[in-house]
Amino acid sequence: MHNRTGALGAAMLALAVLTGAFGSHGLQKLTTDPTVLEPYKTAVQYLCWHGLAILILWAAGDRLTERGRKVVVTFFMAGIILFCGSLFFLTLAKIYQLSYTGIVFLTPIGGSLFVAGWLYLSYLLITKQRN
């Protein structure tokens, strides 16, 4: 798990750079409407922050139990998939005029998973559940 966590964090950061570049170059050609672009920018930012958090968890791996680290990373990855993924889809759905009614419910679930990950990490640090 330990090396995979670092690789996962680095991959999420690479994905953040790629999606950010696509947003700056590709999406700008499709729309300049800020109401369409803002959710995309938010998704890129949250992807970057949580990818960085996963990388930091890997770097500080000896300070947490393996189980604790796995739980936090799982919360963060689920949040990335649901929160960021739904905002990316929502942006493209608006541009290409696709139906997106069901997807909007995934965004707050993903955000709640981010919060759960941060709260669980806080709990681990407060209770000193370390190696």
N, C-alpha and C. Protein backbone atom coordinates (compact mmCIF):
# COMPACT_ATOMS: atom_id res chain seq x y z
N MET A 1 0.83 -1.21 0.00
CA MET A 1 0.00 0.00 0.00
C MET A 1 0.86 1.25 0.00
N HIS A 2 1.97 1.19 0.72
CA HIS A 2 2.75 2.41 0.93
C HIS A 2 3.22 3.03 -0.37
N ASN A 3 3.89 2.28 -1.24
CA ASN A 3 4.36 2.85 -2.50
C ASN A 3 3.22 3.15 -3.46
N ARG A 4 2.16 2.34 -3.40
CA ARG A 4 1.00 2.60 -4.26
C ARG A 4 0.33 3.90 -3.88
N THR A 5 0.35 4.25 -2.60
CA THR A 5 -0.24 5.51 -2.17
C THR A 5 0.50 6.69 -2.80
N GLY A 6 1.81 6.64 -2.78
CA GLY A 6 2.60 7.70 -3.41
C GLY A 6 2.35 7.78 -4.89
N ALA A 7 2.29 6.63 -5.54
CA ALA A 7 2.02 6.60 -6.99
C ALA A 7 0.63 7.14 -7.28
N LEU A 8 -0.33 6.81 -6.45
CA LEU A 8 -1.70 7.29 -6.63
C LEU A 8 -1.76 8.81 -6.48
N GLY A 9 -1.10 9.34 -5.46
CA GLY A 9 -1.06 10.79 -5.27
C GLY A 9 -0.41 11.49 -6.44
N ALA A 10 0.70 10.95 -6.92
CA ALA A 10 1.39 11.55 -8.06
C ALA A 10 0.52 11.48 -9.31
N ALA A 11 -0.18 10.36 -9.51
CA ALA A 11 -1.06 10.23 -10.67
C ALA A 11 -2.21 11.24 -10.61
N MET A 12 -2.76 11.47 -9.42
CA MET A 12 -3.84 12.45 -9.28
C MET A 12 -3.34 13.86 -9.58
N LEU A 13 -2.11 14.15 -9.18
CA LEU A 13 -1.54 15.47 -9.49
C LEU A 13 -1.27 15.62 -10.98
N ALA A 14 -0.82 14.55 -11.64
CA ALA A 14 -0.65 14.60 -13.09
C ALA A 14 -2.00 14.82 -13.77
N LEU A 15 -3.04 14.13 -13.28
CA LEU A 15 -4.38 14.31 -13.83
C LEU A 15 -4.87 15.74 -13.60
N ALA A 16 -4.53 16.33 -12.46
CA ALA A 16 -4.91 17.72 -12.20
C ALA A 16 -4.26 18.66 -13.21
N VAL A 17 -3.00 18.42 -13.53
CA VAL A 17 -2.31 19.25 -14.52
C VAL A 17 -2.96 19.07 -15.90
N LEU A 18 -3.24 17.85 -16.26
CA LEU A 18 -3.85 17.58 -17.57
C LEU A 18 -5.24 18.19 -17.69
N THR A 19 -6.07 18.02 -16.65
CA THR A 19 -7.41 18.58 -16.71
C THR A 19 -7.37 20.11 -16.66
N GLY A 20 -6.41 20.65 -15.92
CA GLY A 20 -6.24 22.10 -15.89
C GLY A 20 -5.83 22.64 -17.24
N ALA A 21 -4.91 21.96 -17.89
CA ALA A 21 -4.47 22.38 -19.23
C ALA A 21 -5.62 22.28 -20.23
N PHE A 22 -6.39 21.20 -20.14
CA PHE A 22 -7.55 21.05 -21.03
C PHE A 22 -8.55 22.17 -20.77
N GLY A 23 -8.75 22.51 -19.52
CA GLY A 23 -9.68 23.59 -19.19
C GLY A 23 -9.21 24.93 -19.74
N SER A 24 -7.92 25.17 -19.66
CA SER A 24 -7.37 26.44 -20.14
C SER A 24 -7.32 26.54 -21.65
N HIS A 25 -7.09 25.42 -22.31
CA HIS A 25 -6.89 25.46 -23.75
C HIS A 25 -8.06 24.87 -24.54
N GLY A 26 -8.54 23.72 -24.14
CA GLY A 26 -9.61 23.06 -24.88
C GLY A 26 -10.98 23.64 -24.60
N LEU A 27 -11.32 23.79 -23.33
CA LEU A 27 -12.65 24.29 -22.99
C LEU A 27 -12.84 25.74 -23.39
N GLN A 28 -11.79 26.53 -23.35
CA GLN A 28 -11.88 27.93 -23.74
C GLN A 28 -12.32 28.09 -25.19
N LYS A 29 -12.03 27.07 -26.01
CA LYS A 29 -12.46 27.12 -27.42
C LYS A 29 -13.93 26.77 -27.56
N LEU A 30 -14.47 26.04 -26.57
CA LEU A 30 -15.86 25.59 -26.65
C LEU A 30 -16.84 26.56 -26.00
N THR A 31 -16.38 27.26 -24.96
CA THR A 31 -17.25 28.21 -24.27
C THR A 31 -16.41 29.20 -23.47
N THR A 32 -16.96 30.37 -23.30
CA THR A 32 -16.34 31.36 -22.41
C THR A 32 -17.30 31.70 -21.27
N ASP A 33 -18.41 30.98 -21.19
CA ASP A 33 -19.42 31.22 -20.16
C ASP A 33 -18.86 30.84 -18.79
N PRO A 34 -18.70 31.81 -17.89
CA PRO A 34 -18.13 31.51 -16.58
C PRO A 34 -18.98 30.55 -15.75
N THR A 35 -20.29 30.51 -15.98
CA THR A 35 -21.13 29.58 -15.22
C THR A 35 -20.87 28.13 -15.63
N VAL A 36 -20.33 27.94 -16.81
CA VAL A 36 -19.96 26.61 -17.27
C VAL A 36 -18.55 26.27 -16.83
N LEU A 37 -17.65 27.25 -16.88
CA LEU A 37 -16.24 27.01 -16.58
C LEU A 37 -15.92 26.94 -15.08
N GLU A 38 -16.66 27.65 -14.24
CA GLU A 38 -16.35 27.68 -12.81
C GLU A 38 -16.41 26.30 -12.15
N PRO A 39 -17.45 25.49 -12.40
CA PRO A 39 -17.44 24.16 -11.79
C PRO A 39 -16.23 23.31 -12.23
N TYR A 40 -15.82 23.49 -13.47
CA TYR A 40 -14.66 22.76 -13.97
C TYR A 40 -13.40 23.19 -13.20
N LYS A 41 -13.24 24.50 -13.03
CA LYS A 41 -12.08 25.01 -12.29
C LYS A 41 -12.10 24.50 -10.85
N THR A 42 -13.27 24.46 -10.25
CA THR A 42 -13.40 23.94 -8.88
C THR A 42 -12.96 22.48 -8.83
N ALA A 43 -13.38 21.69 -9.80
CA ALA A 43 -13.00 20.28 -9.84
C ALA A 43 -11.49 20.12 -9.95
N VAL A 44 -10.85 20.92 -10.80
CA VAL A 44 -9.40 20.85 -10.95
C VAL A 44 -8.71 21.19 -9.63
N GLN A 45 -9.18 22.24 -8.96
CA GLN A 45 -8.58 22.64 -7.69
C GLN A 45 -8.71 21.55 -6.63
N TYR A 46 -9.90 20.97 -6.50
CA TYR A 46 -10.10 19.91 -5.51
C TYR A 46 -9.30 18.66 -5.86
N LEU A 47 -9.18 18.35 -7.13
CA LEU A 47 -8.36 17.23 -7.56
C LEU A 47 -6.91 17.47 -7.17
N CYS A 48 -6.43 18.67 -7.40
CA CYS A 48 -5.04 19.00 -7.07
C CYS A 48 -4.81 18.93 -5.56
N TRP A 49 -5.68 19.56 -4.78
CA TRP A 49 -5.51 19.57 -3.32
C TRP A 49 -5.54 18.16 -2.74
N HIS A 50 -6.45 17.33 -3.21
CA HIS A 50 -6.57 16.00 -2.62
C HIS A 50 -5.51 15.04 -3.17
N GLY A 51 -5.05 15.26 -4.39
CA GLY A 51 -3.90 14.51 -4.88
C GLY A 51 -2.66 14.82 -4.06
N LEU A 52 -2.49 16.10 -3.75
CA LEU A 52 -1.37 16.51 -2.91
C LEU A 52 -1.50 15.93 -1.50
N ALA A 53 -2.71 15.91 -0.97
CA ALA A 53 -2.93 15.33 0.36
C ALA A 53 -2.58 13.85 0.37
N ILE A 54 -2.95 13.12 -0.68
CA ILE A 54 -2.60 11.70 -0.76
C ILE A 54 -1.09 11.53 -0.82
N LEU A 55 -0.41 12.38 -1.57
CA LEU A 55 1.05 12.30 -1.65
C LEU A 55 1.68 12.60 -0.29
N ILE A 56 1.14 13.55 0.43
CA ILE A 56 1.65 13.86 1.77
C ILE A 56 1.41 12.70 2.73
N LEU A 57 0.25 12.08 2.62
CA LEU A 57 -0.02 10.89 3.45
C LEU A 57 1.01 9.80 3.19
N TRP A 58 1.38 9.64 1.94
CA TRP A 58 2.41 8.66 1.60
C TRP A 58 3.75 9.07 2.22
N ALA A 59 4.11 10.35 2.08
CA ALA A 59 5.40 10.81 2.58
C ALA A 59 5.48 10.72 4.11
N ALA A 60 4.35 10.91 4.77
CA ALA A 60 4.31 10.83 6.24
C ALA A 60 3.75 9.49 6.69
N GLY A 61 3.90 8.49 5.85
CA GLY A 61 3.30 7.19 6.10
C GLY A 61 3.65 6.55 7.42
N ASP A 62 4.85 6.77 7.91
CA ASP A 62 5.24 6.13 9.17
C ASP A 62 4.60 6.79 10.38
N ARG A 63 3.88 7.87 10.18
CA ARG A 63 3.25 8.57 11.30
C ARG A 63 1.82 8.09 11.55
N LEU A 64 1.26 7.31 10.63
CA LEU A 64 -0.10 6.79 10.77
C LEU A 64 -0.08 5.28 10.61
N THR A 65 -1.08 4.62 11.16
CA THR A 65 -1.20 3.19 10.93
C THR A 65 -1.56 2.97 9.47
N GLU A 66 -1.22 1.81 8.97
CA GLU A 66 -1.54 1.48 7.57
C GLU A 66 -3.06 1.52 7.35
N ARG A 67 -3.81 0.98 8.29
CA ARG A 67 -5.26 0.96 8.17
C ARG A 67 -5.81 2.39 8.14
N GLY A 68 -5.33 3.24 9.02
CA GLY A 68 -5.80 4.62 9.06
C GLY A 68 -5.52 5.36 7.77
N ARG A 69 -4.32 5.16 7.25
CA ARG A 69 -3.93 5.80 5.99
C ARG A 69 -4.81 5.31 4.84
N LYS A 70 -5.07 4.00 4.82
CA LYS A 70 -5.92 3.43 3.77
C LYS A 70 -7.33 4.02 3.80
N VAL A 71 -7.87 4.19 4.99
CA VAL A 71 -9.22 4.73 5.11
C VAL A 71 -9.27 6.17 4.60
N VAL A 72 -8.31 6.99 5.00
CA VAL A 72 -8.29 8.38 4.57
C VAL A 72 -8.12 8.46 3.05
N VAL A 73 -7.20 7.69 2.50
CA VAL A 73 -6.97 7.70 1.05
C VAL A 73 -8.23 7.23 0.31
N THR A 74 -8.91 6.24 0.86
CA THR A 74 -10.14 5.77 0.23
C THR A 74 -11.21 6.86 0.22
N PHE A 75 -11.36 7.56 1.33
CA PHE A 75 -12.30 8.69 1.37
C PHE A 75 -11.92 9.73 0.31
N PHE A 76 -10.65 10.08 0.24
CA PHE A 76 -10.21 11.10 -0.71
C PHE A 76 -10.42 10.64 -2.16
N MET A 77 -10.08 9.40 -2.47
CA MET A 77 -10.26 8.91 -3.84
C MET A 77 -11.73 8.85 -4.23
N ALA A 78 -12.56 8.40 -3.31
CA ALA A 78 -14.00 8.37 -3.59
C ALA A 78 -14.52 9.79 -3.80
N GLY A 79 -14.01 10.73 -3.02
CA GLY A 79 -14.39 12.13 -3.19
C GLY A 79 -13.94 12.66 -4.54
N ILE A 80 -12.73 12.32 -4.95
CA ILE A 80 -12.23 12.76 -6.26
C ILE A 80 -13.13 12.22 -7.36
N ILE A 81 -13.45 10.95 -7.28
CA ILE A 81 -14.27 10.33 -8.33
C ILE A 81 -15.66 10.97 -8.38
N LEU A 82 -16.31 11.09 -7.22
CA LEU A 82 -17.69 11.59 -7.22
C LEU A 82 -17.77 13.11 -7.36
N PHE A 83 -16.98 13.84 -6.58
CA PHE A 83 -17.06 15.30 -6.61
C PHE A 83 -16.46 15.84 -7.91
N CYS A 84 -15.18 15.56 -8.11
CA CYS A 84 -14.52 16.10 -9.30
C CYS A 84 -15.10 15.50 -10.58
N GLY A 85 -15.31 14.20 -10.56
CA GLY A 85 -15.86 13.55 -11.75
C GLY A 85 -17.21 14.10 -12.15
N SER A 86 -18.07 14.33 -11.16
CA SER A 86 -19.40 14.86 -11.49
C SER A 86 -19.31 16.29 -12.01
N LEU A 87 -18.40 17.09 -11.47
CA LEU A 87 -18.25 18.46 -11.98
C LEU A 87 -17.65 18.48 -13.39
N PHE A 88 -16.70 17.58 -13.65
CA PHE A 88 -16.17 17.48 -15.01
C PHE A 88 -17.28 17.09 -15.98
N PHE A 89 -18.06 16.08 -15.60
CA PHE A 89 -19.16 15.64 -16.46
C PHE A 89 -20.20 16.75 -16.64
N LEU A 90 -20.52 17.43 -15.56
CA LEU A 90 -21.50 18.51 -15.61
C LEU A 90 -21.08 19.60 -16.59
N THR A 91 -19.81 19.94 -16.57
CA THR A 91 -19.29 20.95 -17.49
C THR A 91 -19.46 20.51 -18.94
N LEU A 92 -19.04 19.29 -19.22
CA LEU A 92 -19.16 18.80 -20.60
C LEU A 92 -20.62 18.62 -21.00
N ALA A 93 -21.46 18.23 -20.06
CA ALA A 93 -22.89 18.07 -20.35
C ALA A 93 -23.52 19.41 -20.72
N LYS A 94 -23.12 20.47 -20.02
CA LYS A 94 -23.65 21.80 -20.35
C LYS A 94 -23.17 22.26 -21.72
N ILE A 95 -21.91 22.00 -22.02
CA ILE A 95 -21.36 22.42 -23.31
C ILE A 95 -22.04 21.68 -24.46
N TYR A 96 -22.21 20.38 -24.29
CA TYR A 96 -22.77 19.56 -25.36
C TYR A 96 -24.28 19.32 -25.21
N GLN A 97 -24.89 20.04 -24.29
CA GLN A 97 -26.34 19.99 -24.06
C GLN A 97 -26.84 18.56 -23.84
N LEU A 98 -26.17 17.86 -22.91
CA LEU A 98 -26.57 16.52 -22.52
C LEU A 98 -27.39 16.59 -21.24
N SER A 99 -28.16 15.57 -20.98
CA SER A 99 -28.94 15.50 -19.74
C SER A 99 -27.99 15.20 -18.58
N TYR A 100 -28.15 15.92 -17.50
CA TYR A 100 -27.27 15.70 -16.34
C TYR A 100 -28.04 15.73 -15.02
N THR A 101 -29.33 15.49 -15.05
CA THR A 101 -30.13 15.62 -13.83
C THR A 101 -29.67 14.68 -12.73
N GLY A 102 -29.35 13.45 -13.03
CA GLY A 102 -28.97 12.50 -12.00
C GLY A 102 -27.58 12.72 -11.43
N ILE A 103 -26.70 13.30 -12.21
CA ILE A 103 -25.30 13.45 -11.80
C ILE A 103 -25.12 14.51 -10.71
N VAL A 104 -26.02 15.48 -10.63
CA VAL A 104 -25.85 16.57 -9.66
C VAL A 104 -25.91 16.07 -8.22
N PHE A 105 -26.48 14.91 -7.99
CA PHE A 105 -26.55 14.37 -6.63
C PHE A 105 -25.22 13.77 -6.18
N LEU A 106 -24.34 13.48 -7.12
CA LEU A 106 -23.04 12.90 -6.77
C LEU A 106 -22.07 13.94 -6.20
N THR A 107 -22.21 15.17 -6.63
CA THR A 107 -21.28 16.22 -6.19
C THR A 107 -21.29 16.40 -4.67
N PRO A 108 -22.44 16.58 -4.02
CA PRO A 108 -22.40 16.74 -2.56
C PRO A 108 -21.99 15.46 -1.83
N ILE A 109 -22.27 14.32 -2.41
CA ILE A 109 -21.80 13.06 -1.79
C ILE A 109 -20.28 13.03 -1.81
N GLY A 110 -19.71 13.39 -2.96
CA GLY A 110 -18.25 13.45 -3.07
C GLY A 110 -17.64 14.46 -2.12
N GLY A 111 -18.28 15.62 -2.00
CA GLY A 111 -17.80 16.63 -1.05
C GLY A 111 -17.86 16.12 0.38
N SER A 112 -18.90 15.40 0.70
CA SER A 112 -19.04 14.82 2.04
C SER A 112 -17.94 13.78 2.31
N LEU A 113 -17.55 13.06 1.27
CA LEU A 113 -16.46 12.08 1.44
C LEU A 113 -15.13 12.79 1.69
N PHE A 114 -14.90 13.93 1.04
CA PHE A 114 -13.71 14.73 1.34
C PHE A 114 -13.71 15.12 2.82
N VAL A 115 -14.83 15.65 3.28
CA VAL A 115 -14.95 16.08 4.68
C VAL A 115 -14.72 14.90 5.61
N ALA A 116 -15.31 13.76 5.29
CA ALA A 116 -15.14 12.57 6.12
C ALA A 116 -13.67 12.16 6.20
N GLY A 117 -12.96 12.25 5.08
CA GLY A 117 -11.54 11.92 5.08
C GLY A 117 -10.74 12.86 5.97
N TRP A 118 -11.02 14.15 5.88
CA TRP A 118 -10.32 15.12 6.72
C TRP A 118 -10.66 14.94 8.20
N LEU A 119 -11.92 14.68 8.49
CA LEU A 119 -12.31 14.46 9.88
C LEU A 119 -11.70 13.19 10.44
N TYR A 120 -11.65 12.13 9.63
CA TYR A 120 -11.04 10.88 10.10
C TYR A 120 -9.54 11.08 10.32
N LEU A 121 -8.88 11.82 9.44
CA LEU A 121 -7.47 12.11 9.63
C LEU A 121 -7.26 12.90 10.92
N SER A 122 -8.13 13.86 11.16
CA SER A 122 -8.07 14.62 12.41
C SER A 122 -8.21 13.70 13.62
N TYR A 123 -9.17 12.80 13.54
CA TYR A 123 -9.38 11.82 14.62
C TYR A 123 -8.12 10.98 14.85
N LEU A 124 -7.51 10.50 13.77
CA LEU A 124 -6.31 9.69 13.90
C LEU A 124 -5.18 10.47 14.57
N LEU A 125 -5.05 11.73 14.21
CA LEU A 125 -3.98 12.55 14.79
C LEU A 125 -4.25 12.90 16.25
N ILE A 126 -5.51 13.19 16.57
CA ILE A 126 -5.87 13.52 17.94
C ILE A 126 -5.69 12.32 18.87
N THR A 127 -6.11 11.15 18.39
CA THR A 127 -6.02 9.95 19.23
C THR A 127 -4.64 9.29 19.14
N LYS A 128 -3.76 9.90 18.37
CA LYS A 128 -2.39 9.43 18.21
C LYS A 128 -2.31 7.99 17.75
N GLN A 129 -3.16 7.64 16.78
CA GLN A 129 -3.14 6.30 16.23
C GLN A 129 -2.06 6.24 15.16
N ARG A 130 -0.86 6.07 15.65
CA ARG A 130 0.31 6.10 14.77
C ARG A 130 1.05 4.78 14.89
N ASN A 131 1.97 4.57 13.97
CA ASN A 131 2.81 3.37 14.01
C ASN A 131 3.72 3.40 15.22
